[in-house]
């Protein structure tokens, strides 16, 4: 049985700010905090919580993957790292800094 909802080892993450924040770590958590706080500041101005909800919903998949890593993906990452090849010349992904997505 593949790890997923209903699997005995599955860890669920509620779609709430505190739950998503707790499931993230490192740079992902810092970026989530930054975007969440910006959305809260906007909500204080216009009384609309939609941007806050958008941040939480955008980061929820990353939170789920963080607490429920896919063993096949983890094995591939290990193989990639153990290969000894230098992939440092690959450019970083292009991201719009104003996006709510990770």
N, C-alpha and C. Protein backbone atom coordinates (compact mmCIF):
# COMPACT_ATOMS: atom_id res chain seq x y z
N UNK A 1 0.85 -1.18 0.00
CA UNK A 1 0.00 0.00 0.00
C UNK A 1 0.89 1.24 0.00
N UNK A 2 0.65 2.12 -0.94
CA UNK A 2 1.43 3.34 -1.06
C UNK A 2 1.03 4.34 0.02
N UNK A 3 2.01 5.09 0.51
CA UNK A 3 1.74 6.08 1.55
C UNK A 3 0.79 7.15 1.01
N UNK A 4 -0.27 7.38 1.72
CA UNK A 4 -1.27 8.37 1.34
C UNK A 4 -2.36 8.38 2.39
N UNK A 5 -3.35 9.24 2.24
CA UNK A 5 -4.44 9.25 3.21
C UNK A 5 -5.02 7.85 3.37
N UNK A 6 -5.20 7.44 4.59
CA UNK A 6 -5.70 6.10 4.87
C UNK A 6 -4.59 5.11 5.22
N UNK A 7 -3.36 5.42 4.82
CA UNK A 7 -2.22 4.56 5.17
C UNK A 7 -1.95 4.75 6.66
N UNK A 8 -1.60 3.67 7.37
CA UNK A 8 -1.37 3.79 8.81
C UNK A 8 -0.25 4.76 9.20
N UNK A 9 0.71 4.99 8.31
CA UNK A 9 1.81 5.89 8.64
C UNK A 9 1.58 7.33 8.17
N UNK A 10 0.44 7.58 7.54
CA UNK A 10 0.15 8.91 6.99
C UNK A 10 -0.03 9.92 8.12
N UNK A 11 0.61 11.08 7.98
CA UNK A 11 0.45 12.17 8.93
C UNK A 11 -0.33 13.27 8.23
N UNK A 12 -1.48 13.60 8.78
CA UNK A 12 -2.31 14.63 8.16
C UNK A 12 -1.86 16.01 8.65
N UNK A 13 -2.05 17.00 7.81
CA UNK A 13 -1.75 18.39 8.16
C UNK A 13 -3.00 19.19 7.86
N UNK A 14 -3.53 19.83 8.87
CA UNK A 14 -4.72 20.66 8.67
C UNK A 14 -4.36 21.86 7.80
N UNK A 15 -5.34 22.37 7.07
CA UNK A 15 -5.11 23.55 6.23
C UNK A 15 -5.31 24.81 7.07
N UNK A 16 -4.42 24.95 8.06
CA UNK A 16 -4.43 26.13 8.93
C UNK A 16 -3.02 26.69 8.98
N UNK A 17 -2.92 27.95 9.28
CA UNK A 17 -1.60 28.57 9.40
C UNK A 17 -0.70 27.85 10.39
N UNK A 18 -1.17 27.61 11.63
CA UNK A 18 -0.30 26.94 12.60
C UNK A 18 0.12 25.53 12.18
N UNK A 19 -0.79 24.78 11.57
CA UNK A 19 -0.45 23.40 11.17
C UNK A 19 0.56 23.39 10.03
N UNK A 20 0.35 24.25 9.04
CA UNK A 20 1.28 24.32 7.92
C UNK A 20 2.64 24.80 8.41
N UNK A 21 2.64 25.82 9.25
CA UNK A 21 3.89 26.35 9.79
C UNK A 21 4.66 25.25 10.54
N UNK A 22 3.96 24.48 11.36
CA UNK A 22 4.61 23.43 12.15
C UNK A 22 5.19 22.32 11.27
N UNK A 23 4.57 22.07 10.12
CA UNK A 23 5.03 20.99 9.25
C UNK A 23 6.21 21.41 8.37
N UNK A 24 6.44 22.70 8.25
CA UNK A 24 7.55 23.20 7.44
C UNK A 24 8.78 23.38 8.31
N UNK A 25 9.93 23.45 7.66
CA UNK A 25 11.14 23.76 8.41
C UNK A 25 12.11 24.53 7.53
N UNK A 26 13.12 25.04 8.16
CA UNK A 26 14.19 25.73 7.44
C UNK A 26 13.72 26.90 6.60
N UNK A 27 14.26 26.95 5.40
CA UNK A 27 13.97 28.06 4.49
C UNK A 27 12.49 28.11 4.10
N UNK A 28 11.88 26.94 3.96
CA UNK A 28 10.46 26.90 3.60
C UNK A 28 9.62 27.56 4.70
N UNK A 29 9.93 27.26 5.94
CA UNK A 29 9.18 27.87 7.05
C UNK A 29 9.39 29.38 7.06
N UNK A 30 10.61 29.82 6.85
CA UNK A 30 10.90 31.25 6.84
C UNK A 30 10.13 31.97 5.74
N UNK A 31 10.11 31.36 4.56
CA UNK A 31 9.39 31.98 3.43
C UNK A 31 7.88 31.99 3.70
N UNK A 32 7.36 30.90 4.26
CA UNK A 32 5.94 30.85 4.63
C UNK A 32 5.62 31.97 5.62
N UNK A 33 6.45 32.12 6.64
CA UNK A 33 6.23 33.16 7.64
C UNK A 33 6.19 34.54 6.98
N UNK A 34 7.13 34.77 6.09
CA UNK A 34 7.21 36.07 5.41
C UNK A 34 5.93 36.35 4.61
N UNK A 35 5.50 35.38 3.84
CA UNK A 35 4.30 35.57 3.02
C UNK A 35 3.04 35.64 3.87
N UNK A 36 2.99 34.83 4.92
CA UNK A 36 1.83 34.83 5.82
C UNK A 36 1.70 36.18 6.52
N UNK A 37 2.81 36.70 7.02
CA UNK A 37 2.78 38.00 7.70
C UNK A 37 2.40 39.13 6.74
N UNK A 38 2.88 39.06 5.51
CA UNK A 38 2.51 40.07 4.52
C UNK A 38 1.01 40.01 4.23
N UNK A 39 0.48 38.80 4.14
CA UNK A 39 -0.95 38.64 3.90
C UNK A 39 -1.76 39.14 5.10
N UNK A 40 -1.25 38.91 6.30
CA UNK A 40 -1.93 39.42 7.50
C UNK A 40 -1.94 40.95 7.52
N UNK A 41 -0.83 41.54 7.13
CA UNK A 41 -0.76 43.00 7.09
C UNK A 41 -1.77 43.55 6.08
N UNK A 42 -1.88 42.89 4.94
CA UNK A 42 -2.86 43.31 3.94
C UNK A 42 -4.28 43.14 4.48
N UNK A 43 -4.52 42.05 5.19
CA UNK A 43 -5.84 41.81 5.77
C UNK A 43 -6.21 42.88 6.79
N UNK A 44 -5.22 43.36 7.51
CA UNK A 44 -5.47 44.43 8.49
C UNK A 44 -5.90 45.71 7.80
N UNK A 45 -5.45 45.89 6.57
CA UNK A 45 -5.81 47.10 5.82
C UNK A 45 -7.18 47.00 5.16
N UNK A 46 -7.47 45.84 4.56
CA UNK A 46 -8.70 45.75 3.78
C UNK A 46 -9.74 44.77 4.34
N UNK A 47 -9.47 44.19 5.50
CA UNK A 47 -10.41 43.29 6.18
C UNK A 47 -10.80 42.08 5.33
N UNK A 48 -9.92 41.66 4.46
CA UNK A 48 -10.16 40.51 3.59
C UNK A 48 -9.12 39.44 3.92
N UNK A 49 -9.57 38.29 4.38
CA UNK A 49 -8.66 37.22 4.76
C UNK A 49 -8.31 36.29 3.59
N UNK A 50 -8.83 36.55 2.42
CA UNK A 50 -8.55 35.69 1.27
C UNK A 50 -7.05 35.53 1.01
N UNK A 51 -6.25 36.60 1.05
CA UNK A 51 -4.81 36.42 0.81
C UNK A 51 -4.14 35.51 1.85
N UNK A 52 -4.60 35.57 3.09
CA UNK A 52 -4.05 34.70 4.13
C UNK A 52 -4.39 33.25 3.80
N UNK A 53 -5.63 33.02 3.42
CA UNK A 53 -6.05 31.66 3.06
C UNK A 53 -5.29 31.16 1.84
N UNK A 54 -5.03 32.04 0.89
CA UNK A 54 -4.28 31.65 -0.31
C UNK A 54 -2.86 31.20 0.05
N UNK A 55 -2.22 31.90 0.97
CA UNK A 55 -0.88 31.51 1.39
C UNK A 55 -0.91 30.13 2.04
N UNK A 56 -1.85 29.93 2.95
CA UNK A 56 -1.96 28.64 3.64
C UNK A 56 -2.22 27.52 2.63
N UNK A 57 -3.15 27.73 1.72
CA UNK A 57 -3.49 26.70 0.74
C UNK A 57 -2.35 26.45 -0.24
N UNK A 58 -1.59 27.49 -0.58
CA UNK A 58 -0.47 27.31 -1.50
C UNK A 58 0.66 26.51 -0.86
N UNK A 59 0.87 26.67 0.43
CA UNK A 59 1.96 25.99 1.12
C UNK A 59 1.57 24.65 1.70
N UNK A 60 0.28 24.35 1.77
CA UNK A 60 -0.18 23.10 2.35
C UNK A 60 0.41 21.86 1.66
N UNK A 61 0.46 21.80 0.32
CA UNK A 61 1.06 20.61 -0.30
C UNK A 61 2.52 20.38 0.13
N UNK A 62 3.28 21.46 0.26
CA UNK A 62 4.67 21.31 0.69
C UNK A 62 4.73 20.80 2.13
N UNK A 63 3.80 21.26 2.96
CA UNK A 63 3.74 20.78 4.34
C UNK A 63 3.42 19.29 4.39
N UNK A 64 2.46 18.87 3.58
CA UNK A 64 2.09 17.45 3.52
C UNK A 64 3.29 16.61 3.09
N UNK A 65 3.99 17.06 2.05
CA UNK A 65 5.15 16.31 1.57
C UNK A 65 6.28 16.31 2.59
N UNK A 66 6.37 17.37 3.37
CA UNK A 66 7.43 17.44 4.37
C UNK A 66 7.27 16.41 5.47
N UNK A 67 6.04 16.15 5.87
CA UNK A 67 5.82 15.18 6.95
C UNK A 67 5.51 13.78 6.42
N UNK A 68 5.30 13.67 5.11
CA UNK A 68 5.01 12.37 4.47
C UNK A 68 5.88 12.21 3.22
N UNK A 69 7.18 12.11 3.40
CA UNK A 69 8.04 12.01 2.21
C UNK A 69 7.76 10.72 1.44
N UNK A 70 7.83 10.82 0.13
CA UNK A 70 7.63 9.67 -0.75
C UNK A 70 8.91 8.86 -0.77
N UNK A 71 8.87 7.60 -0.36
CA UNK A 71 10.09 6.79 -0.31
C UNK A 71 10.78 6.67 -1.67
N UNK A 72 10.00 6.62 -2.75
CA UNK A 72 10.60 6.52 -4.08
C UNK A 72 11.35 7.80 -4.43
N UNK A 73 10.77 8.93 -4.10
CA UNK A 73 11.43 10.21 -4.37
C UNK A 73 12.67 10.34 -3.50
N UNK A 74 12.56 9.95 -2.24
CA UNK A 74 13.71 10.02 -1.34
C UNK A 74 14.85 9.14 -1.86
N UNK A 75 14.52 7.96 -2.37
CA UNK A 75 15.55 7.07 -2.91
C UNK A 75 16.21 7.69 -4.14
N UNK A 76 15.42 8.35 -4.97
CA UNK A 76 15.97 8.99 -6.17
C UNK A 76 16.86 10.17 -5.78
N UNK A 77 16.47 10.92 -4.79
CA UNK A 77 17.30 12.03 -4.31
C UNK A 77 18.63 11.49 -3.78
N UNK A 78 18.56 10.41 -3.02
CA UNK A 78 19.79 9.81 -2.49
C UNK A 78 20.69 9.34 -3.63
N UNK A 79 20.10 8.68 -4.63
CA UNK A 79 20.88 8.21 -5.78
C UNK A 79 21.53 9.40 -6.49
N UNK A 80 20.78 10.46 -6.65
CA UNK A 80 21.27 11.67 -7.29
C UNK A 80 22.45 12.25 -6.52
N UNK A 81 22.31 12.36 -5.21
CA UNK A 81 23.38 12.92 -4.38
C UNK A 81 24.60 12.01 -4.33
N UNK A 82 24.35 10.70 -4.30
CA UNK A 82 25.45 9.74 -4.23
C UNK A 82 26.18 9.56 -5.55
N UNK A 83 25.62 10.08 -6.63
CA UNK A 83 26.23 9.89 -7.95
C UNK A 83 27.57 10.61 -8.07
N UNK A 84 27.76 11.64 -7.25
CA UNK A 84 29.02 12.37 -7.29
C UNK A 84 29.11 13.37 -8.42
N UNK A 85 28.10 13.45 -9.24
CA UNK A 85 28.12 14.41 -10.34
C UNK A 85 27.93 15.82 -9.80
N UNK A 86 28.52 16.77 -10.50
CA UNK A 86 28.41 18.17 -10.09
C UNK A 86 27.28 18.82 -10.88
N UNK A 87 26.19 19.09 -10.19
CA UNK A 87 25.05 19.74 -10.82
C UNK A 87 24.93 21.20 -10.39
N UNK A 88 26.00 21.74 -9.85
CA UNK A 88 25.96 23.10 -9.32
C UNK A 88 25.82 24.16 -10.41
N UNK A 89 26.05 23.80 -11.65
CA UNK A 89 25.94 24.78 -12.72
C UNK A 89 24.51 24.95 -13.23
N UNK A 90 23.61 24.12 -12.72
CA UNK A 90 22.22 24.27 -13.12
C UNK A 90 21.66 25.57 -12.53
N UNK A 91 20.94 26.34 -13.32
CA UNK A 91 20.39 27.60 -12.79
C UNK A 91 19.27 27.31 -11.80
N UNK A 92 19.08 28.20 -10.85
CA UNK A 92 17.97 28.02 -9.91
C UNK A 92 16.65 28.25 -10.62
N UNK A 93 15.56 27.71 -10.08
CA UNK A 93 14.27 27.94 -10.71
C UNK A 93 13.90 29.42 -10.64
N UNK A 94 13.19 29.88 -11.64
CA UNK A 94 12.76 31.28 -11.68
C UNK A 94 11.43 31.37 -10.94
N UNK A 95 11.37 32.30 -10.00
CA UNK A 95 10.16 32.48 -9.22
C UNK A 95 9.82 33.96 -9.14
N UNK A 96 8.55 34.22 -9.17
CA UNK A 96 8.07 35.57 -8.96
C UNK A 96 8.03 35.80 -7.46
N UNK A 97 8.78 36.75 -6.97
CA UNK A 97 8.89 36.99 -5.53
C UNK A 97 7.57 37.41 -4.89
N UNK A 98 6.62 37.87 -5.69
CA UNK A 98 5.35 38.31 -5.14
C UNK A 98 4.32 37.19 -5.06
N UNK A 99 4.67 36.00 -5.51
CA UNK A 99 3.73 34.89 -5.48
C UNK A 99 3.53 34.39 -4.07
N UNK A 100 2.37 33.85 -3.82
CA UNK A 100 2.08 33.23 -2.52
C UNK A 100 2.56 31.80 -2.50
N UNK A 101 2.94 31.27 -3.64
CA UNK A 101 3.35 29.87 -3.72
C UNK A 101 4.81 29.72 -3.32
N UNK A 102 5.12 28.50 -2.82
CA UNK A 102 6.52 28.22 -2.46
C UNK A 102 7.40 28.13 -3.68
